[in-house]
Amino acid sequence: MATRVSAAADLERELLTATDFIDWLEPGRHADLIDGEIFMHSPVSIRHADLLNFVDALLRFYVDRHRLGVLYREVVAVRLSARNVFLPDLAFYRAGREDAIRPTHIVEAPDLVVEVLSPRTADRDIGPKFAEYEQHGVREYWILDPETLAHRFYRLAGEELVEYADGAEQIDSTVVSGFFLRRPWLDPTALPRLDEALSTIDANRPG
């Protein structure tokens, strides 16, 4: 049940619980619950869609080919705490974490989260969602900006997400064994062929 909180007689807010929010979600309804408040996802630009589609397909084929785990897109809810439930653009769970998966949602933080920024959601992706993912132990958090191409990559070090591969041409994942992205691949106006990118990754995969 939602909780009503008041700081003054004329100031009242209704905060949802994770259970309320998951019950409210339905197919085609995309939103995040952040500190008990609902934030709807908005339509994205073509650049955003193209970049997300490419990374999704590349990572999905690679994970499936090598049987490394499961990858979910933003239609799957991730419950992190009593009032925080996110629908990440991409969420990877390594093999062996099946106990976290419930019929309607997942109850633990992903190993890897990929968020592609949109003007209306960027402040949440790099603010409260970043902090919540960090607190709950997301091992890698990739933030891709389809407009400026100022992509950022973070890795858990102790209890903090720390940036890595700043300016590097190749971004290696320690969570998805052998997987990497190359920075030139992340320009939505000049995306490589999927089969060529996969071949490049597999050719460099440790034996």
Protein backbone atom coordinates (compact mmCIF):
# COMPACT_ATOMS: atom_id res chain seq x y z
CA MET A 1 0.00 0.00 0.00
CA ALA A 2 1.20 3.51 -0.81
CA THR A 3 2.49 5.60 2.07
CA ARG A 4 1.40 9.21 2.52
CA VAL A 5 4.07 11.50 3.92
CA SER A 6 3.63 15.14 4.88
CA ALA A 7 6.11 17.87 5.72
CA ALA A 8 3.41 20.49 6.27
CA ALA A 9 -0.34 20.79 6.24
CA ASP A 10 -0.36 21.77 2.57
CA LEU A 11 2.48 19.52 1.42
CA GLU A 12 1.73 15.83 1.06
CA ARG A 13 3.27 13.16 -1.14
CA GLU A 14 2.35 9.58 -1.83
CA LEU A 15 5.24 7.12 -1.93
CA LEU A 16 4.75 3.70 -3.47
CA THR A 17 6.37 0.53 -2.27
CA ALA A 18 8.18 -1.79 -4.66
CA THR A 19 5.25 -4.22 -4.38
CA ASP A 20 2.74 -1.48 -5.28
CA PHE A 21 4.80 -0.50 -8.28
CA ILE A 22 5.33 -4.03 -9.61
CA ASP A 23 1.59 -4.67 -9.28
CA TRP A 24 0.95 -1.44 -11.22
CA LEU A 25 3.30 -2.35 -14.08
CA GLU A 26 1.81 -4.02 -17.12
CA PRO A 27 3.00 -4.82 -20.67
CA GLY A 28 3.80 -1.65 -22.55
CA ARG A 29 4.07 0.46 -19.38
CA HIS A 30 7.70 1.53 -18.91
CA ALA A 31 8.70 3.45 -15.81
CA ASP A 32 11.09 3.51 -12.87
CA LEU A 33 10.23 3.74 -9.18
CA ILE A 34 12.81 6.05 -7.61
CA ASP A 35 12.58 6.62 -3.87
CA GLY A 36 8.89 5.76 -3.99
CA GLU A 37 7.96 8.02 -6.92
CA ILE A 38 7.04 6.92 -10.45
CA PHE A 39 9.02 8.34 -13.36
CA MET A 40 7.68 7.37 -16.77
CA HIS A 41 10.03 6.55 -19.63
CA SER A 42 9.57 8.78 -22.67
CA PRO A 43 9.89 8.07 -26.42
CA VAL A 44 13.51 8.13 -27.55
CA SER A 45 15.37 9.56 -30.51
CA ILE A 46 16.33 7.44 -33.51
CA ARG A 47 20.00 7.80 -32.52
CA HIS A 48 19.14 6.43 -29.06
CA ALA A 49 17.15 3.52 -30.53
CA ASP A 50 19.82 2.63 -33.08
CA LEU A 51 22.63 2.61 -30.50
CA LEU A 52 20.62 0.58 -27.99
CA ASN A 53 19.54 -1.92 -30.66
CA PHE A 54 23.16 -2.44 -31.73
CA VAL A 55 24.57 -2.96 -28.23
CA ASP A 56 21.62 -5.17 -27.31
CA ALA A 57 22.06 -7.41 -30.36
CA LEU A 58 25.85 -7.59 -30.04
CA LEU A 59 25.80 -8.43 -26.34
CA ARG A 60 22.81 -10.78 -26.65
CA PHE A 61 24.37 -12.88 -29.43
CA TYR A 62 27.68 -13.04 -27.59
CA VAL A 63 26.14 -14.03 -24.25
CA ASP A 64 23.96 -16.66 -25.91
CA ARG A 65 26.78 -18.09 -28.04
CA HIS A 66 29.04 -18.60 -25.03
CA ARG A 67 26.24 -19.43 -22.55
CA LEU A 68 27.34 -16.79 -20.09
CA GLY A 69 23.98 -15.90 -18.57
CA VAL A 70 20.87 -13.92 -19.53
CA LEU A 71 20.31 -10.43 -20.89
CA TYR A 72 17.09 -8.49 -20.35
CA ARG A 73 15.85 -5.32 -22.01
CA GLU A 74 13.77 -2.61 -20.34
CA VAL A 75 10.60 -4.69 -20.12
CA VAL A 76 11.91 -6.49 -17.01
CA ALA A 77 11.67 -4.85 -13.58
CA VAL A 78 14.65 -5.02 -11.21
CA ARG A 79 13.72 -4.59 -7.54
CA LEU A 80 16.63 -3.12 -5.61
CA SER A 81 14.97 -2.01 -2.38
CA ALA A 82 11.61 -1.29 -0.74
CA ARG A 83 11.02 1.85 -2.84
CA ASN A 84 13.37 1.48 -5.81
CA VAL A 85 12.51 -0.59 -8.88
CA PHE A 86 14.18 0.12 -12.21
CA LEU A 87 13.68 -1.06 -15.78
CA PRO A 88 17.25 -0.82 -17.14
CA ASP A 89 17.82 -0.47 -20.87
CA LEU A 90 19.95 -3.62 -20.61
CA ALA A 91 20.55 -5.85 -17.59
CA PHE A 92 22.93 -8.81 -17.68
CA TYR A 93 22.87 -11.60 -15.08
CA ARG A 94 25.69 -14.11 -15.20
CA ALA A 95 24.95 -17.84 -15.24
CA GLY A 96 24.21 -19.21 -11.78
CA ARG A 97 22.03 -16.34 -10.62
CA GLU A 98 18.71 -17.90 -11.58
CA ASP A 99 17.46 -17.76 -7.97
CA ALA A 100 17.08 -13.97 -8.32
CA ILE A 101 14.54 -14.30 -11.12
CA ARG A 102 10.86 -14.23 -10.17
CA PRO A 103 7.84 -14.62 -12.47
CA THR A 104 7.20 -10.84 -12.63
CA HIS A 105 10.53 -9.24 -11.69
CA ILE A 106 14.11 -9.77 -10.52
CA VAL A 107 15.06 -9.25 -6.88
CA GLU A 108 18.81 -8.58 -7.07
CA ALA A 109 21.01 -6.08 -8.87
CA PRO A 110 22.36 -7.06 -12.30
CA ASP A 111 26.02 -7.79 -12.87
CA LEU A 112 26.05 -5.29 -15.74
CA VAL A 113 23.67 -2.44 -16.48
CA VAL A 114 23.70 -0.45 -19.73
CA GLU A 115 21.74 2.82 -19.88
CA VAL A 116 21.49 4.94 -23.03
CA LEU A 117 20.87 8.55 -22.11
CA SER A 118 17.88 10.62 -23.16
CA PRO A 119 17.52 14.34 -22.40
CA ARG A 120 14.55 13.75 -20.06
CA THR A 121 16.09 10.86 -18.14
CA ALA A 122 19.83 11.61 -18.08
CA ASP A 123 19.76 13.31 -14.69
CA ARG A 124 18.20 10.21 -13.12
CA ASP A 125 20.56 7.76 -14.84
CA ILE A 126 23.65 9.61 -13.61
CA GLY A 127 22.15 10.63 -10.25
CA PRO A 128 19.82 8.61 -8.01
CA LYS A 129 19.85 5.49 -10.17
CA PHE A 130 23.66 5.50 -10.30
CA ALA A 131 23.79 5.75 -6.50
CA GLU A 132 21.23 2.99 -6.01
CA TYR A 133 23.00 0.64 -8.41
CA GLU A 134 26.26 1.36 -6.61
CA GLN A 135 24.74 0.69 -3.20
CA HIS A 136 23.36 -2.66 -4.34
CA GLY A 137 26.56 -3.92 -5.91
CA VAL A 138 26.16 -3.60 -9.68
CA ARG A 139 29.58 -4.70 -10.90
CA GLU A 140 29.63 -2.67 -14.12
CA TYR A 141 27.53 0.32 -15.18
CA TRP A 142 27.82 1.66 -18.72
CA ILE A 143 26.28 5.02 -19.60
CA LEU A 144 26.09 5.69 -23.35
CA ASP A 145 25.30 9.13 -24.76
CA PRO A 146 24.05 8.89 -28.37
CA GLU A 147 24.15 12.67 -28.86
CA THR A 148 27.56 13.74 -27.55
CA LEU A 149 29.26 10.31 -27.73
CA ALA A 150 30.71 11.04 -24.28
CA HIS A 151 30.26 7.44 -23.17
CA ARG A 152 31.24 6.55 -19.60
CA PHE A 153 32.09 3.17 -18.13
CA TYR A 154 32.12 2.32 -14.42
CA ARG A 155 33.32 -0.72 -12.49
CA LEU A 156 32.75 -1.63 -8.86
CA ALA A 157 35.87 -1.14 -6.74
CA GLY A 158 35.15 -1.98 -3.13
CA GLU A 159 31.85 -0.22 -2.45
CA GLU A 160 32.10 2.42 -5.20
CA LEU A 161 31.56 2.52 -8.94
CA VAL A 162 34.77 3.93 -10.39
CA GLU A 163 35.21 5.11 -13.98
CA TYR A 164 37.54 3.09 -16.19
CA ALA A 165 38.60 3.08 -19.86
CA ASP A 166 38.36 6.88 -19.95
CA GLY A 167 39.20 7.77 -23.55
CA ALA A 168 40.32 4.23 -24.37
CA GLU A 169 39.41 2.89 -27.80
CA GLN A 170 38.54 -0.54 -26.41
CA ILE A 171 36.32 -1.06 -23.37
CA ASP A 172 36.76 -4.53 -21.87
CA SER A 173 34.15 -6.07 -19.61
CA THR A 174 35.25 -8.08 -16.60
CA VAL A 175 31.67 -9.23 -16.00
CA VAL A 176 30.93 -10.64 -19.48
CA SER A 177 34.00 -12.79 -20.03
CA GLY A 178 35.89 -11.87 -23.19
CA PHE A 179 33.40 -9.22 -24.31
CA PHE A 180 34.44 -5.72 -25.30
CA LEU A 181 33.18 -2.68 -27.14
CA ARG A 182 35.24 -0.41 -29.33
CA ARG A 183 34.51 3.27 -29.03
CA PRO A 184 34.14 3.81 -32.81
CA TRP A 185 31.34 1.21 -32.75
CA LEU A 186 29.28 3.46 -30.47
CA ASP A 187 28.51 6.23 -32.95
CA PRO A 188 24.85 5.66 -33.91
CA THR A 189 25.45 7.33 -37.28
CA ALA A 190 28.25 4.90 -38.20
CA LEU A 191 27.42 1.57 -36.56
CA PRO A 192 29.42 -1.42 -37.80
CA ARG A 193 27.88 -4.58 -39.19
CA LEU A 194 26.85 -6.83 -36.35
CA ASP A 195 28.55 -9.92 -37.79
CA GLU A 196 31.82 -8.05 -38.26
CA ALA A 197 31.81 -6.76 -34.68
CA LEU A 198 31.04 -10.24 -33.33
CA SER A 199 33.82 -11.75 -35.41
CA THR A 200 36.26 -9.19 -34.05
CA ILE A 201 35.30 -9.97 -30.46
CA ASP A 202 35.47 -13.73 -30.93
CA ALA A 203 38.82 -13.48 -32.73
CA ASN A 204 40.26 -11.75 -29.66
CA ARG A 205 38.56 -13.93 -27.07
CA PRO A 206 41.04 -15.72 -24.78
CA GLY A 207 41.28 -19.41 -25.63
